[in-house]
Amino acid sequence: MKTWKQGFSAGVVLLALAACTGYSPTPHWKLHTSDFEKLKPGVTTSAEVRQQVGIPLTEAAFPQKNEEVWEYRYLDGSTIVMLAYLHFDQNGVFKYAEHELDPAYSGGIGT
């Protein structure tokens, strides 16, 4: 049986490792629906998205589709937590976005 001290120690180690890697996604409370409305398909680049919107939660490459998808958590209004999936082509140009309720905050129910 693990004691709370062992669990706490493991948590501290994980936080320290995350800090060392420099990974720090933009907090969802700093992002809103309007941040994504500024993105223009076929025009906005991934570098511009990173500058305007921030660091995504995840970045996934889909080589067979020649596509990369970035995931962001954000607020719609003041309390509804959403997920945005931004799709980029092989040249890093924004193609389109998908938005859905974040199941982690909506009781496990998606769109």
Protein backbone atom coordinates (compact mmCIF):
# COMPACT_ATOMS: atom_id res chain seq x y z
CA MET A 1 0.00 0.00 0.00
CA LYS A 2 1.35 3.42 -0.96
CA THR A 3 1.41 6.12 1.61
CA TRP A 4 0.42 9.67 0.71
CA LYS A 5 4.08 10.66 1.08
CA GLN A 6 5.14 8.23 -1.67
CA GLY A 7 2.42 9.55 -3.98
CA PHE A 8 3.34 13.13 -3.14
CA SER A 9 7.03 12.46 -3.85
CA ALA A 10 6.21 10.92 -7.23
CA GLY A 11 4.07 13.96 -8.06
CA VAL A 12 6.88 16.34 -7.18
CA VAL A 13 9.28 14.38 -9.40
CA LEU A 14 6.82 14.53 -12.33
CA LEU A 15 6.36 18.27 -11.90
CA ALA A 16 10.13 18.76 -11.80
CA LEU A 17 10.56 16.74 -14.99
CA ALA A 18 7.85 18.76 -16.74
CA ALA A 19 9.56 21.97 -15.67
CA CYS A 20 12.90 20.74 -17.02
CA THR A 21 11.46 19.98 -20.45
CA GLY A 22 10.10 23.51 -20.78
CA TYR A 23 6.65 22.22 -21.76
CA SER A 24 4.04 24.69 -20.61
CA PRO A 25 0.79 24.76 -22.60
CA THR A 26 -1.26 27.93 -22.54
CA PRO A 27 -3.76 27.67 -19.63
CA HIS A 28 -7.36 27.21 -20.78
CA TRP A 29 -8.61 30.19 -18.77
CA LYS A 30 -6.43 32.48 -20.91
CA LEU A 31 -7.96 31.27 -24.20
CA HIS A 32 -11.42 32.13 -25.50
CA THR A 33 -13.50 31.47 -28.59
CA SER A 34 -12.41 34.79 -30.09
CA ASP A 35 -8.75 33.65 -30.14
CA PHE A 36 -9.64 31.02 -32.74
CA GLU A 37 -11.92 33.23 -34.84
CA LYS A 38 -8.87 35.25 -35.96
CA LEU A 39 -7.30 32.26 -37.74
CA LYS A 40 -7.70 32.25 -41.52
CA PRO A 41 -7.65 28.92 -43.39
CA GLY A 42 -5.03 28.81 -46.13
CA VAL A 43 -3.34 31.96 -44.77
CA THR A 44 -2.38 31.64 -41.09
CA THR A 45 0.79 29.64 -40.40
CA SER A 46 1.53 27.38 -37.44
CA ALA A 47 4.14 29.90 -36.24
CA GLU A 48 1.46 32.62 -36.23
CA VAL A 49 -0.94 30.34 -34.36
CA ARG A 50 1.70 29.65 -31.72
CA GLN A 51 2.29 33.40 -31.37
CA GLN A 52 -1.40 34.43 -31.36
CA VAL A 53 -3.02 31.51 -29.50
CA GLY A 54 -0.13 29.99 -27.54
CA ILE A 55 1.32 26.58 -26.85
CA PRO A 56 -1.07 23.67 -27.52
CA LEU A 57 -1.83 20.82 -25.12
CA THR A 58 -0.77 18.31 -27.75
CA GLU A 59 0.68 18.22 -31.26
CA ALA A 60 0.08 15.12 -33.36
CA ALA A 61 1.42 14.31 -36.84
CA PHE A 62 -0.58 12.23 -39.33
CA PRO A 63 1.90 11.48 -42.14
CA GLN A 64 -0.57 9.52 -44.29
CA LYS A 65 -2.87 12.54 -44.33
CA ASN A 66 0.00 15.03 -44.67
CA GLU A 67 -1.46 16.78 -41.67
CA GLU A 68 -0.61 17.94 -38.17
CA VAL A 69 -3.24 18.58 -35.49
CA TRP A 70 -2.83 20.76 -32.43
CA GLU A 71 -5.18 20.51 -29.46
CA TYR A 72 -6.13 23.47 -27.26
CA ARG A 73 -8.43 23.72 -24.23
CA TYR A 74 -10.29 27.03 -23.93
CA LEU A 75 -13.33 28.79 -22.48
CA ASP A 76 -16.51 29.46 -24.43
CA GLY A 77 -18.12 32.25 -22.47
CA SER A 78 -16.98 32.27 -18.86
CA THR A 79 -17.59 28.68 -17.74
CA ILE A 80 -17.89 26.23 -20.67
CA VAL A 81 -14.61 24.39 -21.23
CA MET A 82 -14.06 23.41 -24.86
CA LEU A 83 -11.45 21.64 -26.97
CA ALA A 84 -10.21 22.99 -30.29
CA TYR A 85 -8.38 20.83 -32.81
CA LEU A 86 -6.44 22.93 -35.31
CA HIS A 87 -5.46 21.16 -38.54
CA PHE A 88 -2.36 22.19 -40.53
CA ASP A 89 -1.13 21.01 -43.91
CA GLN A 90 2.36 19.63 -44.57
CA ASN A 91 3.66 23.20 -45.04
CA GLY A 92 2.39 24.34 -41.62
CA VAL A 93 -0.53 26.34 -43.00
CA PHE A 94 -3.80 26.32 -41.03
CA LYS A 95 -6.55 24.33 -42.80
CA TYR A 96 -9.54 24.22 -40.43
CA ALA A 97 -10.60 23.85 -36.79
CA GLU A 98 -12.91 21.47 -34.98
CA HIS A 99 -14.49 22.42 -31.64
CA GLU A 100 -16.21 20.25 -29.05
CA LEU A 101 -17.10 20.20 -25.37
CA ASP A 102 -14.22 18.99 -23.25
CA PRO A 103 -15.41 15.65 -21.82
CA ALA A 104 -13.11 16.13 -18.81
CA TYR A 105 -15.33 19.08 -17.78
CA SER A 106 -18.71 18.05 -19.19
CA GLY A 107 -19.31 14.71 -17.48
CA GLY A 108 -17.78 12.66 -20.29
CA ILE A 109 -20.25 13.83 -22.92
CA GLY A 110 -18.69 15.12 -26.17
CA THR A 111 -20.37 17.31 -28.80
